[in-house]
PDB file of N, CA and C in Angstrom:
ATOM      1  N   MET A   1      75.182 105.234 100.851  1.00  0.00           N
ATOM      2  CA  MET A   1      76.048 105.338 101.828  1.00  0.00           C
ATOM      3  C   MET A   1      76.805 106.901 100.714  1.00  0.00           C
ATOM      4  N   ALA A   2      77.665 107.234 101.887  1.00  0.00           N
ATOM      5  CA  ALA A   2      78.700 108.276 100.957  1.00  0.00           C
ATOM      6  C   ALA A   2      79.890 107.581 101.199  1.00  0.00           C
ATOM      7  N   ASP A   3      80.186 108.311  99.794  1.00  0.00           N
ATOM      8  CA  ASP A   3      81.797 108.120  99.591  1.00  0.00           C
ATOM      9  C   ASP A   3      82.578 107.905 100.710  1.00  0.00           C
ATOM     10  N   LYS A   4      84.180 107.006 100.087  1.00  0.00           N
ATOM     11  CA  LYS A   4      84.999 107.351 101.472  1.00  0.00           C
ATOM     12  C   LYS A   4      86.325 107.365 100.980  1.00  0.00           C
ATOM     13  N   LEU A   5      87.139 108.248 101.386  1.00  0.00           N
ATOM     14  CA  LEU A   5      88.495 108.607 101.292  1.00  0.00           C
ATOM     15  C   LEU A   5      89.475 107.306 101.404  1.00  0.00           C
ATOM     16  N   HIS A   6      90.438 107.294 100.843  1.00  0.00           N
ATOM     17  CA  HIS A   6      91.078 106.053 100.683  1.00  0.00           C
ATOM     18  C   HIS A   6      92.149 106.829 101.535  1.00  0.00           C
ATOM     19  N   PHE A   7      93.067 107.378 102.588  1.00  0.00           N
ATOM     20  CA  PHE A   7      93.397 107.346 103.503  1.00  0.00           C
ATOM     21  C   PHE A   7      94.786 106.855 103.852  1.00  0.00           C
ATOM     22  N   SER A   8      96.367 107.398 103.963  1.00  0.00           N
ATOM     23  CA  SER A   8      97.125 106.534 104.332  1.00  0.00           C
ATOM     24  C   SER A   8      98.916 107.407 104.595  1.00  0.00           C
ATOM     25  N   LEU A   9      99.501 107.552 105.872  1.00  0.00           N
ATOM     26  CA  LEU A   9      99.602 107.830 106.825  1.00  0.00           C
ATOM     27  C   LEU A   9     101.260 107.400 107.051  1.00  0.00           C
ATOM     28  N   VAL A  10     102.143 107.653 106.376  1.00  0.00           N
ATOM     29  CA  VAL A  10     103.208 106.927 106.194  1.00  0.00           C
ATOM     30  C   VAL A  10     104.366 108.297 107.274  1.00  0.00           C
ATOM     31  N   SER A  11     105.195 107.241 108.627  1.00  0.00           N
ATOM     32  CA  SER A  11     106.593 107.987 108.907  1.00  0.00           C
ATOM     33  C   SER A  11     107.834 106.996 107.901  1.00  0.00           C
ATOM     34  N   PRO A  12     109.004 107.453 108.436  1.00  0.00           N
ATOM     35  CA  PRO A  12     110.604 107.022 108.118  1.00  0.00           C
ATOM     36  C   PRO A  12     109.913 105.472 108.326  1.00  0.00           C
ATOM     37  N   GLU A  13     109.793 105.334 109.608  1.00  0.00           N
ATOM     38  CA  GLU A  13     109.891 103.772 110.538  1.00  0.00           C
ATOM     39  C   GLU A  13     108.551 103.229 110.443  1.00  0.00           C
ATOM     40  N   ARG A  14     107.765 103.107 109.683  1.00  0.00           N
ATOM     41  CA  ARG A  14     106.374 102.441 109.438  1.00  0.00           C
ATOM     42  C   ARG A  14     104.875 102.896 108.928  1.00  0.00           C
ATOM     43  N   GLU A  15     104.516 102.412 108.294  1.00  0.00           N
ATOM     44  CA  GLU A  15     102.901 102.793 107.911  1.00  0.00           C
ATOM     45  C   GLU A  15     101.667 102.539 108.677  1.00  0.00           C
ATOM     46  N   LEU A  16     101.859 104.016 109.470  1.00  0.00           N
ATOM     47  CA  LEU A  16     100.851 104.605 110.406  1.00  0.00           C
ATOM     48  C   LEU A  16      98.935 104.124 110.401  1.00  0.00           C
ATOM     49  N   PHE A  17      98.908 104.493 109.089  1.00  0.00           N
ATOM     50  CA  PHE A  17      97.199 104.322 108.688  1.00  0.00           C
ATOM     51  C   PHE A  17      97.495 103.874 107.320  1.00  0.00           C
ATOM     52  N   ALA A  18      95.916 102.940 106.725  1.00  0.00           N
ATOM     53  CA  ALA A  18      96.205 102.874 105.590  1.00  0.00           C
ATOM     54  C   ALA A  18      94.504 102.709 105.239  1.00  0.00           C
ATOM     55  N   GLY A  19      93.747 102.582 104.853  1.00  0.00           N
ATOM     56  CA  GLY A  19      92.079 102.643 104.787  1.00  0.00           C
ATOM     57  C   GLY A  19      91.616 103.323 104.266  1.00  0.00           C
ATOM     58  N   LEU A  20      90.191 103.180 104.444  1.00  0.00           N
ATOM     59  CA  LEU A  20      88.547 103.870 103.495  1.00  0.00           C
ATOM     60  C   LEU A  20      88.236 104.505 105.558  1.00  0.00           C
ATOM     61  N   VAL A  21      88.507 106.339 104.971  1.00  0.00           N
ATOM     62  CA  VAL A  21      87.828 106.944 106.248  1.00  0.00           C
ATOM     63  C   VAL A  21      86.905 108.335 105.676  1.00  0.00           C
ATOM     64  N   ASP A  22      86.108 108.968 106.635  1.00  0.00           N
ATOM     65  CA  ASP A  22      85.078 109.813 106.679  1.00  0.00           C
ATOM     66  C   ASP A  22      85.780 111.005 105.816  1.00  0.00           C
ATOM     67  N   GLN A  23      86.834 111.369 106.527  1.00  0.00           N
ATOM     68  CA  GLN A  23      87.623 112.496 106.333  1.00  0.00           C
ATOM     69  C   GLN A  23      88.818 112.102 107.530  1.00  0.00           C
ATOM     70  N   VAL A  24      89.762 113.815 106.981  1.00  0.00           N
ATOM     71  CA  VAL A  24      91.152 113.743 107.541  1.00  0.00           C
ATOM     72  C   VAL A  24      90.828 115.115 107.991  1.00  0.00           C
ATOM     73  N   ASP A  25      91.693 115.639 108.516  1.00  0.00           N
ATOM     74  CA  ASP A  25      91.919 117.235 108.945  1.00  0.00           C
ATOM     75  C   ASP A  25      93.259 117.228 109.337  1.00  0.00           C
ATOM     76  N   ALA A  26      94.123 118.128 108.788  1.00  0.00           N
ATOM     77  CA  ALA A  26      95.380 118.217 108.879  1.00  0.00           C
ATOM     78  C   ALA A  26      96.271 119.309 108.955  1.00  0.00           C
ATOM     79  N   PRO A  27      97.475 119.888 109.953  1.00  0.00           N
ATOM     80  CA  PRO A  27      97.935 120.816 109.907  1.00  0.00           C
ATOM     81  C   PRO A  27      98.729 121.792 108.562  1.00  0.00           C
ATOM     82  N   GLY A  28      98.001 122.190 107.516  1.00  0.00           N
ATOM     83  CA  GLY A  28      99.170 122.400 106.070  1.00  0.00           C
ATOM     84  C   GLY A  28      99.991 123.897 106.551  1.00  0.00           C
ATOM     85  N   SER A  29     101.154 124.020 106.333  1.00  0.00           N
ATOM     86  CA  SER A  29     101.603 124.861 106.810  1.00  0.00           C
ATOM     87  C   SER A  29     101.149 126.120 106.474  1.00  0.00           C
ATOM     88  N   GLU A  30     100.412 126.425 105.450  1.00  0.00           N
ATOM     89  CA  GLU A  30      99.516 127.343 105.021  1.00  0.00           C
ATOM     90  C   GLU A  30      98.074 127.650 105.333  1.00  0.00           C
ATOM     91  N   GLY A  31      97.956 126.979 106.585  1.00  0.00           N
ATOM     92  CA  GLY A  31      96.983 126.878 106.959  1.00  0.00           C
ATOM     93  C   GLY A  31      96.395 125.422 107.471  1.00  0.00           C
ATOM     94  N   ASP A  32      95.274 124.733 108.435  1.00  0.00           N
ATOM     95  CA  ASP A  32      95.158 123.734 108.680  1.00  0.00           C
ATOM     96  C   ASP A  32      93.850 123.323 106.987  1.00  0.00           C
ATOM     97  N   PHE A  33      93.391 122.230 107.178  1.00  0.00           N
ATOM     98  CA  PHE A  33      92.780 122.023 105.603  1.00  0.00           C
ATOM     99  C   PHE A  33      92.055 120.198 106.307  1.00  0.00           C
ATOM    100  N   GLY A  34      91.016 120.034 105.884  1.00  0.00           N
ATOM    101  CA  GLY A  34      90.501 119.158 105.619  1.00  0.00           C
ATOM    102  C   GLY A  34      90.129 118.347 104.289  1.00  0.00           C
ATOM    103  N   VAL A  35      90.305 116.964 103.657  1.00  0.00           N
ATOM    104  CA  VAL A  35      90.144 116.029 102.833  1.00  0.00           C
ATOM    105  C   VAL A  35      88.678 115.507 102.444  1.00  0.00           C
ATOM    106  N   LEU A  36      87.827 115.236 102.096  1.00  0.00           N
ATOM    107  CA  LEU A  36      86.731 114.448 102.093  1.00  0.00           C
ATOM    108  C   LEU A  36      86.940 113.800 101.189  1.00  0.00           C
ATOM    109  N   ALA A  37      86.242 112.531 100.880  1.00  0.00           N
ATOM    110  CA  ALA A  37      86.466 111.704  98.962  1.00  0.00           C
ATOM    111  C   ALA A  37      85.779 112.259  97.829  1.00  0.00           C
ATOM    112  N   GLY A  38      86.420 112.830  96.770  1.00  0.00           N
ATOM    113  CA  GLY A  38      86.355 113.042  95.637  1.00  0.00           C
ATOM    114  C   GLY A  38      86.880 115.564  95.829  1.00  0.00           C
ATOM    115  N   HIS A  39      87.987 115.414  96.347  1.00  0.00           N
ATOM    116  CA  HIS A  39      88.528 116.943  96.587  1.00  0.00           C
ATOM    117  C   HIS A  39      89.613 116.646  95.812  1.00  0.00           C
ATOM    118  N   ALA A  40      89.583 118.086  95.170  1.00  0.00           N
ATOM    119  CA  ALA A  40      90.667 118.481  94.676  1.00  0.00           C
ATOM    120  C   ALA A  40      91.943 118.584  94.766  1.00  0.00           C
ATOM    121  N   PRO A  41      92.695 117.603  93.528  1.00  0.00           N
ATOM    122  CA  PRO A  41      93.787 117.587  93.643  1.00  0.00           C
ATOM    123  C   PRO A  41      94.855 118.196  94.258  1.00  0.00           C
ATOM    124  N   PHE A  42      95.836 118.697  95.381  1.00  0.00           N
ATOM    125  CA  PHE A  42      96.178 119.408  95.594  1.00  0.00           C
ATOM    126  C   PHE A  42      97.641 118.702  96.318  1.00  0.00           C
ATOM    127  N   MET A  43      99.165 119.401  97.012  1.00  0.00           N
ATOM    128  CA  MET A  43      99.799 118.669  97.364  1.00  0.00           C
ATOM    129  C   MET A  43     100.416 119.781  98.337  1.00  0.00           C
ATOM    130  N   THR A  44     100.571 120.119  99.744  1.00  0.00           N
ATOM    131  CA  THR A  44     100.898 120.671 100.686  1.00  0.00           C
ATOM    132  C   THR A  44     102.623 120.068 101.372  1.00  0.00           C
ATOM    133  N   ALA A  45     102.930 121.153 101.946  1.00  0.00           N
ATOM    134  CA  ALA A  45     103.844 120.714 103.001  1.00  0.00           C
ATOM    135  C   ALA A  45     103.481 120.950 104.260  1.00  0.00           C
ATOM    136  N   LEU A  46     103.872 120.192 105.616  1.00  0.00           N
ATOM    137  CA  LEU A  46     102.911 120.213 106.883  1.00  0.00           C
ATOM    138  C   LEU A  46     103.357 120.939 107.651  1.00  0.00           C
ATOM    139  N   LYS A  47     102.377 121.006 108.918  1.00  0.00           N
ATOM    140  CA  LYS A  47     103.837 122.075 110.291  1.00  0.00           C
ATOM    141  C   LYS A  47     103.109 120.921 110.831  1.00  0.00           C
ATOM    142  N   GLU A  48     104.256 121.602 112.195  1.00  0.00           N
ATOM    143  CA  GLU A  48     103.976 120.462 113.471  1.00  0.00           C
ATOM    144  C   GLU A  48     102.298 120.559 114.291  1.00  0.00           C
ATOM    145  N   GLY A  49     101.816 119.560 114.400  1.00  0.00           N
ATOM    146  CA  GLY A  49     100.077 119.286 114.931  1.00  0.00           C
ATOM    147  C   GLY A  49      99.677 118.119 114.327  1.00  0.00           C
ATOM    148  N   GLN A  50      98.412 118.140 114.778  1.00  0.00           N
ATOM    149  CA  GLN A  50      97.934 117.322 114.378  1.00  0.00           C
ATOM    150  C   GLN A  50      97.072 116.740 113.394  1.00  0.00           C
ATOM    151  N   VAL A  51      97.165 115.301 112.925  1.00  0.00           N
ATOM    152  CA  VAL A  51      96.065 115.291 111.579  1.00  0.00           C
ATOM    153  C   VAL A  51      94.824 113.855 112.960  1.00  0.00           C
ATOM    154  N   ARG A  52      93.697 114.542 112.411  1.00  0.00           N
ATOM    155  CA  ARG A  52      92.359 113.690 112.587  1.00  0.00           C
ATOM    156  C   ARG A  52      91.672 113.245 111.400  1.00  0.00           C
ATOM    157  N   VAL A  53      91.673 111.620 112.189  1.00  0.00           N
ATOM    158  CA  VAL A  53      91.056 110.831 111.154  1.00  0.00           C
ATOM    159  C   VAL A  53      89.598 110.661 111.377  1.00  0.00           C
ATOM    160  N   HIS A  54      88.440 111.120 111.012  1.00  0.00           N
ATOM    161  CA  HIS A  54      87.606 110.560 110.865  1.00  0.00           C
ATOM    162  C   HIS A  54      86.455 109.483 110.432  1.00  0.00           C
ATOM    163  N   ASP A  55      86.025 108.507 111.334  1.00  0.00           N
ATOM    164  CA  ASP A  55      85.483 107.474 110.156  1.00  0.00           C
ATOM    165  C   ASP A  55      84.097 106.707 111.461  1.00  0.00           C
ATOM    166  N   ALA A  56      83.033 107.031 110.898  1.00  0.00           N
ATOM    167  CA  ALA A  56      82.000 106.275 111.205  1.00  0.00           C
ATOM    168  C   ALA A  56      81.641 107.192 112.815  1.00  0.00           C
ATOM    169  N   GLY A  57      81.899 108.401 113.247  1.00  0.00           N
ATOM    170  CA  GLY A  57      81.864 108.665 114.209  1.00  0.00           C
ATOM    171  C   GLY A  57      83.430 108.469 115.372  1.00  0.00           C
ATOM    172  N   LYS A  58      83.990 108.235 114.884  1.00  0.00           N
ATOM    173  CA  LYS A  58      85.439 108.627 116.035  1.00  0.00           C
ATOM    174  C   LYS A  58      86.441 108.389 115.192  1.00  0.00           C
ATOM    175  N   VAL A  59      87.046 109.282 115.867  1.00  0.00           N
ATOM    176  CA  VAL A  59      88.354 110.994 115.471  1.00  0.00           C
ATOM    177  C   VAL A  59      89.755 109.924 116.363  1.00  0.00           C
ATOM    178  N   THR A  60      90.691 109.508 115.310  1.00  0.00           N
ATOM    179  CA  THR A  60      91.916 109.321 115.861  1.00  0.00           C
ATOM    180  C   THR A  60      92.273 109.907 115.375  1.00  0.00           C
ATOM    181  N   VAL A  61      93.613 110.548 117.057  1.00  0.00           N
ATOM    182  CA  VAL A  61      94.780 111.541 115.967  1.00  0.00           C
ATOM    183  C   VAL A  61      95.501 110.966 116.103  1.00  0.00           C
ATOM    184  N   TYR A  62      96.588 111.452 115.341  1.00  0.00           N
ATOM    185  CA  TYR A  62      98.479 111.019 115.501  1.00  0.00           C
ATOM    186  C   TYR A  62      98.846 112.608 115.321  1.00  0.00           C
ATOM    187  N   ASP A  63      99.834 112.846 116.157  1.00  0.00           N
ATOM    188  CA  ASP A  63     100.815 114.144 116.032  1.00  0.00           C
ATOM    189  C   ASP A  63     101.912 113.830 115.148  1.00  0.00           C
ATOM    190  N   VAL A  64     102.082 115.162 113.952  1.00  0.00           N
ATOM    191  CA  VAL A  64     102.944 114.673 113.219  1.00  0.00           C
ATOM    192  C   VAL A  64     103.730 116.316 113.268  1.00  0.00           C
ATOM    193  N   ARG A  65     105.203 116.210 112.589  1.00  0.00           N
ATOM    194  CA  ARG A  65     106.399 116.743 112.436  1.00  0.00           C
ATOM    195  C   ARG A  65     106.583 117.072 110.908  1.00  0.00           C
ATOM    196  N   GLY A  66     106.353 117.880 110.402  1.00  0.00           N
ATOM    197  CA  GLY A  66     106.842 118.383 109.421  1.00  0.00           C
ATOM    198  C   GLY A  66     106.392 117.135 108.488  1.00  0.00           C
ATOM    199  N   GLY A  67     106.501 117.407 106.501  1.00  0.00           N
ATOM    200  CA  GLY A  67     106.540 116.137 106.112  1.00  0.00           C
ATOM    201  C   GLY A  67     105.368 116.989 104.718  1.00  0.00           C
ATOM    202  N   PHE A  68     104.516 116.350 104.014  1.00  0.00           N
ATOM    203  CA  PHE A  68     103.987 116.292 102.697  1.00  0.00           C
ATOM    204  C   PHE A  68     102.409 115.793 102.654  1.00  0.00           C
ATOM    205  N   ALA A  69     101.489 116.463 102.382  1.00  0.00           N
ATOM    206  CA  ALA A  69     100.358 116.113 101.542  1.00  0.00           C
ATOM    207  C   ALA A  69      99.969 115.906 100.384  1.00  0.00           C
ATOM    208  N   ASP A  70      99.549 114.814  99.703  1.00  0.00           N
ATOM    209  CA  ASP A  70      99.281 114.353  98.677  1.00  0.00           C
ATOM    210  C   ASP A  70      97.836 114.060  98.338  1.00  0.00           C
ATOM    211  N   VAL A  71      96.649 115.014  97.859  1.00  0.00           N
ATOM    212  CA  VAL A  71      95.673 114.918  97.268  1.00  0.00           C
ATOM    213  C   VAL A  71      95.403 114.707  95.957  1.00  0.00           C
ATOM    214  N   THR A  72      95.287 113.012  95.231  1.00  0.00           N
ATOM    215  CA  THR A  72      95.243 112.820  94.361  1.00  0.00           C
ATOM    216  C   THR A  72      93.459 112.494  94.221  1.00  0.00           C
ATOM    217  N   PRO A  73      92.862 111.789  93.007  1.00  0.00           N
ATOM    218  CA  PRO A  73      92.110 111.466  92.494  1.00  0.00           C
ATOM    219  C   PRO A  73      91.690 110.044  93.249  1.00  0.00           C
ATOM    220  N   GLU A  74      92.760 109.217  93.362  1.00  0.00           N
ATOM    221  CA  GLU A  74      92.670 108.081  94.875  1.00  0.00           C
ATOM    222  C   GLU A  74      92.843 108.319  95.786  1.00  0.00           C
ATOM    223  N   GLY A  75      93.385 109.684  96.600  1.00  0.00           N
ATOM    224  CA  GLY A  75      92.979 109.377  97.975  1.00  0.00           C
ATOM    225  C   GLY A  75      93.825 110.508  98.538  1.00  0.00           C
ATOM    226  N   LEU A  76      94.434 110.671 100.070  1.00  0.00           N
ATOM    227  CA  LEU A  76      95.066 111.569 100.363  1.00  0.00           C
ATOM    228  C   LEU A  76      96.653 110.618 101.394  1.00  0.00           C
ATOM    229  N   THR A  77      97.880 111.234 100.962  1.00  0.00           N
ATOM    230  CA  THR A  77      98.762 110.106 101.444  1.00  0.00           C
ATOM    231  C   THR A  77      99.211 111.338 102.199  1.00  0.00           C
ATOM    232  N   ILE A  78      99.794 111.213 103.586  1.00  0.00           N
ATOM    233  CA  ILE A  78     100.529 112.025 104.365  1.00  0.00           C
ATOM    234  C   ILE A  78     102.157 111.463 104.547  1.00  0.00           C
ATOM    235  N   LEU A  79     103.667 112.034 104.261  1.00  0.00           N
ATOM    236  CA  LEU A  79     104.299 111.492 104.434  1.00  0.00           C
ATOM    237  C   LEU A  79     105.112 112.240 105.495  1.00  0.00           C
ATOM    238  N   ALA A  80     104.954 111.971 106.280  1.00  0.00           N
ATOM    239  CA  ALA A  80     105.985 113.183 107.273  1.00  0.00           C
ATOM    240  C   ALA A  80     106.551 112.152 108.378  1.00  0.00           C
ATOM    241  N   ALA A  81     107.296 113.310 108.287  1.00  0.00           N
ATOM    242  CA  ALA A  81     108.661 113.801 109.021  1.00  0.00           C
ATOM    243  C   ALA A  81     108.812 112.790 110.550  1.00  0.00           C
ATOM    244  N   TYR A  82     107.265 112.835 110.809  1.00  0.00           N
ATOM    245  CA  TYR A  82     107.727 112.412 112.368  1.00  0.00           C
ATOM    246  C   TYR A  82     106.021 112.148 112.368  1.00  0.00           C
ATOM    247  N   ALA A  83     105.325 110.795 113.034  1.00  0.00           N
ATOM    248  CA  ALA A  83     104.392 110.495 113.166  1.00  0.00           C
ATOM    249  C   ALA A  83     103.967 109.603 114.147  1.00  0.00           C
ATOM    250  N   MET A  84     102.805 109.561 115.469  1.00  0.00           N
ATOM    251  CA  MET A  84     103.284 108.993 116.328  1.00  0.00           C
ATOM    252  C   MET A  84     101.168 108.876 116.582  1.00  0.00           C
ATOM    253  N   GLU A  85     100.915 107.936 116.970  1.00  0.00           N
ATOM    254  CA  GLU A  85      99.175 107.964 117.707  1.00  0.00           C
ATOM    255  C   GLU A  85      99.311 109.206 118.950  1.00  0.00           C
ATOM    256  N   ALA A  86      98.949 110.251 118.551  1.00  0.00           N
ATOM    257  CA  ALA A  86      98.406 110.445 119.985  1.00  0.00           C
ATOM    258  C   ALA A  86      97.855 109.927 121.642  1.00  0.00           C
ATOM    259  N   ALA A  87      98.498 110.404 122.541  1.00  0.00           N
ATOM    260  CA  ALA A  87      98.260 109.350 124.012  1.00  0.00           C
ATOM    261  C   ALA A  87      96.409 110.297 124.426  1.00  0.00           C
TER     262      ALA A  87
END
């Protein structure tokens, strides 16, 4: 089994998602990026767009507006200025 990425998506109102996933794609201020387990650490600002959470063949999409993404050896945390699950 492939390694899983620990991912957390937090808005000012609440934590929208926390768990182990296969991949997360996000809208970085300098371009979209994807994160898998074992990714090199980095931090970036986010622009308005969609965060796509891939797990077991299913994709869950969240709309975000601003914030930061922080990739560490422990996983990916997105602190969004605004976030909501896409309809």
